[in-house]
Each structure stands twice: as structure tokens, then as C-alpha cells.
C-alpha atoms as a PDB file:
ATOM      1  CA  MET A   1     -21.982 -26.718 -49.829  1.00  0.00           C
ATOM      2  CA  LEU A   2     -21.618 -24.795 -52.864  1.00  0.00           C
ATOM      3  CA  LYS A   3     -22.631 -21.651 -51.123  1.00  0.00           C
ATOM      4  CA  LEU A   4     -20.143 -22.497 -48.316  1.00  0.00           C
ATOM      5  CA  ARG A   5     -17.562 -22.419 -51.080  1.00  0.00           C
ATOM      6  CA  ILE A   6     -18.623 -19.107 -52.587  1.00  0.00           C
ATOM      7  CA  MET A   7     -18.702 -17.443 -49.086  1.00  0.00           C
ATOM      8  CA  ARG A   8     -15.133 -18.728 -48.300  1.00  0.00           C
ATOM      9  CA  ARG A   9     -13.646 -17.102 -51.680  1.00  0.00           C
ATOM     10  CA  ILE A  10     -15.360 -13.895 -50.780  1.00  0.00           C
ATOM     11  CA  PHE A  11     -14.155 -13.805 -47.169  1.00  0.00           C
ATOM     12  CA  MET A  12     -10.405 -14.535 -48.549  1.00  0.00           C
ATOM     13  CA  SER A  13     -10.905 -11.832 -51.085  1.00  0.00           C
ATOM     14  CA  LEU A  14     -11.783  -9.068 -48.766  1.00  0.00           C
ATOM     15  CA  ARG A  15      -9.065 -10.192 -46.226  1.00  0.00           C
ATOM     16  CA  SER A  16      -6.471  -9.859 -49.108  1.00  0.00           C
ATOM     17  CA  LEU A  17      -7.939  -6.337 -50.049  1.00  0.00           C
ATOM     18  CA  PHE A  18      -7.913  -5.389 -46.316  1.00  0.00           C
ATOM     19  CA  PHE A  19      -4.190  -6.360 -45.966  1.00  0.00           C
ATOM     20  CA  LEU A  20      -3.251  -4.452 -49.058  1.00  0.00           C
ATOM     21  CA  GLY A  21      -5.164  -1.441 -47.758  1.00  0.00           C
ATOM     22  CA  ILE A  22      -4.086  -1.083 -44.468  1.00  0.00           C
ATOM     23  CA  PHE A  23      -0.112  -2.149 -45.197  1.00  0.00           C
ATOM     24  CA  GLY A  24       0.366  -1.440 -48.781  1.00  0.00           C
ATOM     25  CA  ALA A  25       1.355   2.281 -48.412  1.00  0.00           C
ATOM     26  CA  SER A  26       3.727   1.381 -45.960  1.00  0.00           C
ATOM     27  CA  LEU A  27       5.526  -1.455 -47.934  1.00  0.00           C
ATOM     28  CA  PRO A  28       8.020   1.165 -49.890  1.00  0.00           C
ATOM     29  CA  GLN A  29       9.139   2.168 -46.652  1.00  0.00           C
ATOM     30  CA  MET A  30       9.700  -1.390 -45.398  1.00  0.00           C
ATOM     31  CA  VAL A  31      11.663  -2.211 -48.263  1.00  0.00           C
ATOM     32  CA  LEU A  32      13.849   1.406 -48.406  1.00  0.00           C
ATOM     33  CA  ALA A  33      14.374   0.518 -44.375  1.00  0.00           C
ATOM     34  CA  GLN A  34      15.642  -3.131 -45.307  1.00  0.00           C
ATOM     35  CA  THR A  35      17.857  -2.134 -48.102  1.00  0.00           C
ATOM     36  CA  ALA A  36      19.152   1.162 -46.937  1.00  0.00           C
ATOM     37  CA  ASP A  37      22.921   1.199 -47.071  1.00  0.00           C
ATOM     38  CA  PRO A  38      24.615   0.423 -43.149  1.00  0.00           C
ATOM     39  CA  ALA A  39      27.202   3.054 -44.574  1.00  0.00           C
ATOM     40  CA  ARG A  40      24.928   5.819 -44.049  1.00  0.00           C
ATOM     41  CA  ILE A  41      24.623   4.885 -40.390  1.00  0.00           C
ATOM     42  CA  PRO A  42      27.383   6.362 -38.743  1.00  0.00           C
ATOM     43  CA  VAL A  43      27.046   9.566 -40.743  1.00  0.00           C
ATOM     44  CA  GLN A  44      23.588   9.988 -39.470  1.00  0.00           C
ATOM     45  CA  GLU A  45      24.598   9.133 -35.707  1.00  0.00           C
ATOM     46  CA  LEU A  46      27.542  11.620 -35.849  1.00  0.00           C
ATOM     47  CA  SER A  47      24.700  14.334 -37.515  1.00  0.00           C
ATOM     48  CA  ASP A  48      22.277  13.893 -34.999  1.00  0.00           C
ATOM     49  CA  SER A  49      24.900  14.201 -32.158  1.00  0.00           C
ATOM     50  CA  LEU A  50      26.449  17.524 -33.630  1.00  0.00           C
ATOM     51  CA  ILE A  51      23.057  18.997 -33.663  1.00  0.00           C
ATOM     52  CA  ALA A  52      22.174  17.859 -29.867  1.00  0.00           C
ATOM     53  CA  ALA A  53      25.960  19.370 -28.835  1.00  0.00           C
ATOM     54  CA  SER A  54      24.680  22.547 -30.784  1.00  0.00           C
ATOM     55  CA  LYS A  55      21.297  22.683 -28.533  1.00  0.00           C
ATOM     56  CA  GLY A  56      23.374  22.041 -25.620  1.00  0.00           C
ATOM     57  CA  GLY A  57      25.382  24.937 -26.362  1.00  0.00           C
ATOM     58  CA  ALA A  58      26.977  26.982 -23.487  1.00  0.00           C
ATOM     59  CA  LYS A  59      24.650  25.090 -21.027  1.00  0.00           C
ATOM     60  CA  LEU A  60      26.735  22.071 -21.801  1.00  0.00           C
ATOM     61  CA  GLY A  61      29.793  23.895 -22.314  1.00  0.00           C
ATOM     62  CA  PHE A  62      33.068  22.953 -23.988  1.00  0.00           C
ATOM     63  CA  ALA A  63      33.852  19.864 -21.844  1.00  0.00           C
ATOM     64  CA  GLY A  64      30.330  19.042 -21.606  1.00  0.00           C
ATOM     65  CA  ARG A  65      30.032  18.939 -25.607  1.00  0.00           C
ATOM     66  CA  SER A  66      33.351  16.632 -25.706  1.00  0.00           C
ATOM     67  CA  ALA A  67      31.789  14.214 -23.409  1.00  0.00           C
ATOM     68  CA  LEU A  68      28.826  14.298 -25.568  1.00  0.00           C
ATOM     69  CA  LEU A  69      30.835  13.723 -28.769  1.00  0.00           C
ATOM     70  CA  ARG A  70      33.064  11.469 -27.595  1.00  0.00           C
ATOM     71  CA  PRO A  71      31.678   7.937 -27.710  1.00  0.00           C
ATOM     72  CA  VAL A  72      30.033   8.746 -31.367  1.00  0.00           C
ATOM     73  CA  VAL A  73      33.146  10.365 -32.882  1.00  0.00           C
ATOM     74  CA  THR A  74      35.353   7.209 -31.298  1.00  0.00           C
ATOM     75  CA  ARG A  75      32.628   5.140 -33.026  1.00  0.00           C
ATOM     76  CA  SER A  76      31.896   6.818 -36.214  1.00  0.00           C
ATOM     77  CA  PHE A  77      35.507   7.368 -37.473  1.00  0.00           C
ATOM     78  CA  ASP A  78      38.775   5.025 -37.876  1.00  0.00           C
ATOM     79  CA  LEU A  79      40.941   7.453 -35.939  1.00  0.00           C
ATOM     80  CA  PRO A  80      43.606   5.139 -35.767  1.00  0.00           C
ATOM     81  CA  LEU A  81      43.654   4.567 -39.466  1.00  0.00           C
ATOM     82  CA  MET A  82      43.367   8.115 -40.062  1.00  0.00           C
ATOM     83  CA  THR A  83      46.353   9.164 -38.007  1.00  0.00           C
ATOM     84  CA  ARG A  84      48.305   6.207 -39.905  1.00  0.00           C
ATOM     85  CA  LEU A  85      47.270   7.488 -43.354  1.00  0.00           C
ATOM     86  CA  ILE A  86      47.885  11.311 -42.332  1.00  0.00           C
ATOM     87  CA  ILE A  87      51.411  10.321 -41.106  1.00  0.00           C
ATOM     88  CA  GLY A  88      51.967   7.914 -44.300  1.00  0.00           C
ATOM     89  CA  ALA A  89      55.284   6.506 -44.901  1.00  0.00           C
ATOM     90  CA  PRO A  90      57.175   7.695 -41.488  1.00  0.00           C
ATOM     91  CA  TRP A  91      54.640   5.874 -39.583  1.00  0.00           C
ATOM     92  CA  VAL A  92      56.546   2.559 -39.769  1.00  0.00           C
ATOM     93  CA  LYS A  93      59.632   4.290 -38.376  1.00  0.00           C
ATOM     94  CA  LEU A  94      57.815   5.467 -35.442  1.00  0.00           C
ATOM     95  CA  THR A  95      57.697   3.669 -32.182  1.00  0.00           C
ATOM     96  CA  PRO A  96      54.391   2.155 -30.813  1.00  0.00           C
ATOM     97  CA  ALA A  97      54.720   4.263 -28.044  1.00  0.00           C
ATOM     98  CA  ASP A  98      54.948   7.350 -30.290  1.00  0.00           C
ATOM     99  CA  GLN A  99      52.311   5.981 -32.701  1.00  0.00           C
ATOM    100  CA  ASN A 100      49.971   5.569 -29.622  1.00  0.00           C
ATOM    101  CA  ALA A 101      50.799   9.054 -28.705  1.00  0.00           C
ATOM    102  CA  ILE A 102      49.996  10.684 -31.861  1.00  0.00           C
ATOM    103  CA  THR A 103      46.868   8.712 -32.205  1.00  0.00           C
ATOM    104  CA  ALA A 104      45.893   9.664 -28.855  1.00  0.00           C
ATOM    105  CA  ALA A 105      46.656  13.451 -29.604  1.00  0.00           C
ATOM    106  CA  PHE A 106      44.586  13.400 -32.931  1.00  0.00           C
ATOM    107  CA  THR A 107      41.886  11.884 -31.439  1.00  0.00           C
ATOM    108  CA  ARG A 108      41.800  14.182 -28.736  1.00  0.00           C
ATOM    109  CA  PHE A 109      41.638  17.083 -31.424  1.00  0.00           C
ATOM    110  CA  THR A 110      39.111  15.515 -33.802  1.00  0.00           C
ATOM    111  CA  ILE A 111      36.456  15.663 -30.785  1.00  0.00           C
ATOM    112  CA  ALA A 112      37.861  19.022 -29.696  1.00  0.00           C
ATOM    113  CA  GLN A 113      37.062  20.471 -33.283  1.00  0.00           C
ATOM    114  CA  TYR A 114      33.411  19.188 -33.138  1.00  0.00           C
ATOM    115  CA  ALA A 115      33.047  20.365 -29.865  1.00  0.00           C
ATOM    116  CA  GLY A 116      34.305  23.687 -30.771  1.00  0.00           C
ATOM    117  CA  ASN A 117      32.628  24.345 -33.980  1.00  0.00           C
ATOM    118  CA  PHE A 118      29.349  23.204 -32.888  1.00  0.00           C
ATOM    119  CA  LYS A 119      28.602  25.046 -29.834  1.00  0.00           C
ATOM    120  CA  SER A 120      25.350  27.069 -30.408  1.00  0.00           C
ATOM    121  CA  PHE A 121      21.915  26.274 -31.926  1.00  0.00           C
ATOM    122  CA  ASN A 122      20.622  28.743 -34.784  1.00  0.00           C
ATOM    123  CA  GLY A 123      18.056  26.309 -36.352  1.00  0.00           C
ATOM    124  CA  GLN A 124      20.770  24.334 -37.921  1.00  0.00           C
ATOM    125  CA  SER A 125      20.370  21.078 -39.622  1.00  0.00           C
ATOM    126  CA  PHE A 126      21.687  17.900 -41.495  1.00  0.00           C
ATOM    127  CA  THR A 127      20.348  16.375 -44.624  1.00  0.00           C
ATOM    128  CA  VAL A 128      22.199  12.573 -45.117  1.00  0.00           C
ATOM    129  CA  THR A 129      21.732  11.958 -48.820  1.00  0.00           C
ATOM    130  CA  ALA A 130      19.729   8.379 -49.196  1.00  0.00           C
ATOM    131  CA  ARG A 131      22.109   7.353 -52.067  1.00  0.00           C
ATOM    132  CA  VAL A 132      25.560   5.984 -50.853  1.00  0.00           C
ATOM    133  CA  GLU A 133      28.197   6.213 -53.864  1.00  0.00           C
ATOM    134  CA  SER A 134      30.925   3.495 -54.069  1.00  0.00           C
ATOM    135  CA  ARG A 135      34.687   4.247 -54.179  1.00  0.00           C
ATOM    136  CA  ALA A 136      36.278   1.036 -55.131  1.00  0.00           C
ATOM    137  CA  SER A 137      35.772  -1.173 -51.762  1.00  0.00           C
ATOM    138  CA  ASP A 138      34.619   2.403 -49.915  1.00  0.00           C
ATOM    139  CA  ARG A 139      31.945   4.257 -49.649  1.00  0.00           C
ATOM    140  CA  LEU A 140      30.733   7.952 -49.958  1.00  0.00           C
ATOM    141  CA  VAL A 141      27.924   9.605 -48.018  1.00  0.00           C
ATOM    142  CA  ARG A 142      27.168  13.198 -48.821  1.00  0.00           C
ATOM    143  CA  THR A 143      25.636  15.364 -46.233  1.00  0.00           C
ATOM    144  CA  THR A 144      24.609  19.108 -46.348  1.00  0.00           C
ATOM    145  CA  LEU A 145      24.737  21.001 -43.274  1.00  0.00           C
ATOM    146  CA  ASN A 146      21.533  23.488 -43.610  1.00  0.00           C
ATOM    147  CA  GLN A 147      21.830  27.023 -41.916  1.00  0.00           C
ATOM    148  CA  PRO A 148      19.195  29.442 -41.890  1.00  0.00           C
ATOM    149  CA  ARG A 149      19.744  32.352 -44.217  1.00  0.00           C
ATOM    150  CA  THR A 150      22.854  31.408 -45.230  1.00  0.00           C
ATOM    151  CA  ALA A 151      23.943  28.586 -48.186  1.00  0.00           C
ATOM    152  CA  GLY A 152      24.364  24.900 -47.037  1.00  0.00           C
ATOM    153  CA  ILE A 153      27.552  23.711 -46.583  1.00  0.00           C
ATOM    154  CA  ALA A 154      28.098  20.360 -48.519  1.00  0.00           C
ATOM    155  CA  ILE A 155      30.464  17.869 -46.144  1.00  0.00           C
ATOM    156  CA  GLY A 156      31.020  14.089 -47.928  1.00  0.00           C
ATOM    157  CA  TYR A 157      32.273  11.320 -45.725  1.00  0.00           C
ATOM    158  CA  ARG A 158      34.428   8.413 -46.861  1.00  0.00           C
ATOM    159  CA  LEU A 159      34.006   5.283 -45.129  1.00  0.00           C
ATOM    160  CA  ARG A 160      35.793   2.166 -45.296  1.00  0.00           C
ATOM    161  CA  SER A 161      34.816  -1.597 -43.409  1.00  0.00           C
ATOM    162  CA  SER A 162      36.414  -2.370 -40.372  1.00  0.00           C
ATOM    163  CA  GLY A 163      35.414  -5.473 -38.604  1.00  0.00           C
ATOM    164  CA  GLY A 164      32.006  -5.708 -40.177  1.00  0.00           C
ATOM    165  CA  GLN A 165      31.337  -1.803 -39.343  1.00  0.00           C
ATOM    166  CA  TRP A 166      31.699   1.017 -41.598  1.00  0.00           C
ATOM    167  CA  LYS A 167      33.838   3.709 -40.283  1.00  0.00           C
ATOM    168  CA  ILE A 168      34.411   7.369 -41.528  1.00  0.00           C
ATOM    169  CA  ILE A 169      38.400   7.553 -42.816  1.00  0.00           C
ATOM    170  CA  ASP A 170      38.080  11.032 -44.427  1.00  0.00           C
ATOM    171  CA  VAL A 171      36.137  14.002 -44.439  1.00  0.00           C
ATOM    172  CA  PHE A 172      35.678  16.575 -47.504  1.00  0.00           C
ATOM    173  CA  TYR A 173      34.228  19.584 -46.952  1.00  0.00           C
ATOM    174  CA  ASN A 174      32.466  21.580 -49.933  1.00  0.00           C
ATOM    175  CA  ASN A 175      32.898  17.978 -51.628  1.00  0.00           C
ATOM    176  CA  ALA A 176      36.575  18.863 -52.229  1.00  0.00           C
ATOM    177  CA  ILE A 177      38.791  19.384 -49.404  1.00  0.00           C
ATOM    178  CA  SER A 178      40.197  16.231 -47.631  1.00  0.00           C
ATOM    179  CA  GLN A 179      40.767  16.624 -43.957  1.00  0.00           C
ATOM    180  CA  LEU A 180      43.484  13.703 -44.569  1.00  0.00           C
ATOM    181  CA  ALA A 181      45.559  15.876 -47.034  1.00  0.00           C
ATOM    182  CA  THR A 182      44.794  19.082 -44.958  1.00  0.00           C
ATOM    183  CA  ARG A 183      46.332  17.387 -41.879  1.00  0.00           C
ATOM    184  CA  ARG A 184      48.994  15.532 -44.120  1.00  0.00           C
ATOM    185  CA  ALA A 185      50.447  18.979 -45.395  1.00  0.00           C
ATOM    186  CA  ASP A 186      50.314  20.418 -41.905  1.00  0.00           C
ATOM    187  CA  PHE A 187      52.016  17.441 -39.999  1.00  0.00           C
ATOM    188  CA  ALA A 188      54.304  16.447 -42.161  1.00  0.00           C
ATOM    189  CA  GLY A 189      57.222  19.258 -41.756  1.00  0.00           C
ATOM    190  CA  ILE A 190      56.741  19.267 -37.996  1.00  0.00           C
ATOM    191  CA  LEU A 191      56.998  15.359 -37.772  1.00  0.00           C
ATOM    192  CA  ALA A 192      60.168  15.536 -40.063  1.00  0.00           C
ATOM    193  CA  ALA A 193      61.737  18.618 -38.007  1.00  0.00           C
ATOM    194  CA  GLY A 194      61.120  17.804 -34.497  1.00  0.00           C
ATOM    195  CA  GLY A 195      59.768  14.311 -34.326  1.00  0.00           C
ATOM    196  CA  ALA A 196      56.851  12.851 -32.370  1.00  0.00           C
ATOM    197  CA  LYS A 197      56.936  14.705 -29.361  1.00  0.00           C
ATOM    198  CA  ALA A 198      56.934  18.015 -31.453  1.00  0.00           C
ATOM    199  CA  LEU A 199      53.955  16.657 -33.351  1.00  0.00           C
ATOM    200  CA  VAL A 200      52.176  15.865 -30.500  1.00  0.00           C
ATOM    201  CA  ARG A 201      52.630  19.085 -29.051  1.00  0.00           C
ATOM    202  CA  HIS A 202      51.493  20.918 -32.232  1.00  0.00           C
ATOM    203  CA  ILE A 203      48.276  18.863 -32.338  1.00  0.00           C
ATOM    204  CA  ASP A 204      47.727  19.581 -28.429  1.00  0.00           C
ATOM    205  CA  ALA A 205      48.097  23.090 -29.160  1.00  0.00           C
ATOM    206  CA  LEU A 206      45.352  23.021 -32.092  1.00  0.00           C
ATOM    207  CA  THR A 207      43.079  21.137 -29.454  1.00  0.00           C
ATOM    208  CA  ALA A 208      43.582  24.001 -27.149  1.00  0.00           C
ATOM    209  CA  LYS A 209      42.728  26.453 -29.563  1.00  0.00           C
ATOM    210  CA  ALA A 210      39.602  24.508 -30.850  1.00  0.00           C
ATOM    211  CA  ALA A 211      38.695  24.267 -27.048  1.00  0.00           C
ATOM    212  CA  ASN A 212      38.895  28.335 -26.695  1.00  0.00           C
ATOM    213  CA  SER A 213      37.707  29.191 -30.201  1.00  0.00           C
END
């Protein structure tokens, strides 16, 4: 009976050591995966899709790259909120039809910009930092666009929770140039001078330029 108990204890000890030997090395990765900030997910998905569009290049063409990027861009970005933030105070004075028209134009332009900029592959890649920074209730995810034989480009994304999902609401190039601020400066005068229709024409012109870049 005593011998049976001793054998049982030895077996339990060996089984514990076996478990730690096989699975112990993967425990840090498992913990990291469980605790990774969900705000990184849309940024990683966008980065992966941009590289895929680059690899598709001329074979996909502008229309094909736009079709590839449209779902991830509309899912990753809160484009309606970005449009409202860009327009600012005049937004509430616009009719719902004009608000929808401007939002749709800005959505087309955002997709076209990415499809035009990521049109060929030369070995570039994205690095998305694991550390996510807090900005009040928002999150900031930093990335680097790595390019062979060229200095990397720092791109930061500000995200806000919307309906339980993190969505991009601003992009910072070189960690300084805000897309919202740049577009606000560009759009404000046109909207004030010519109204919503003039602004939609201007944004559509930018979209056409991106398609032909």
C-alpha cells in the first residue's frame, strides 16, 4: 500500500514536469494574446490590407485595389465621425442630405487615397507596436512603414470606441501631421464660400487625382 502511494506521487510529479516542459514556453505568448489591446486589431488589419494591395499592384489596378481596401477601410475607420469632426461647427447647419453627400465623398476619397498610394510592392512592411497608449478615453496605436533603403515613416492612429468596437478617427503622419486638421483647413473655406455641393465637387476632384497618381 505504501509502495503504491509512493509510485502515485512520483507519477503526479513527472506529469507536472512534463506539462511545464511542453507548455511552459508558450505561456507568455498565451498571456500576451489574451491581454493584447483590442485597439490594435483594426490597425493591424488595415496595415495587412495595404501590403496586400501593394502586392496586387498593377495586376489589380486602381479599381481592384479600391475593391480590396473598401471593406477594411470602412470597417477600420469611423468615417462618419471623422467627417463631422473635419467639418466642425457648420455640420449642424447642413441638411441631412448634404451631410450624407459629404460623408460619402470623404469615404470615396479615403479609399482612393490608400489605393493610389499603395500601388506597388518593393519589399515594404508595417510594424505595429504592441504598446497602446491612452489619450483620455481614446487609444493611440503607433506604426512604422518600413521601406528598403529608406528611413521608415512613423504613422500613428487615434482610435475611439464605437458600438463596442475600436475605430480609427485620426491619422498622424510622422507622429505630428493630423489628417483631421489638414482636411479641416482644406475644406473649411470651400464649404463657407460654396456650400456643401462645392465641397463635394472638391473632394471628388481629390479622389480623381488620387486615382490617377
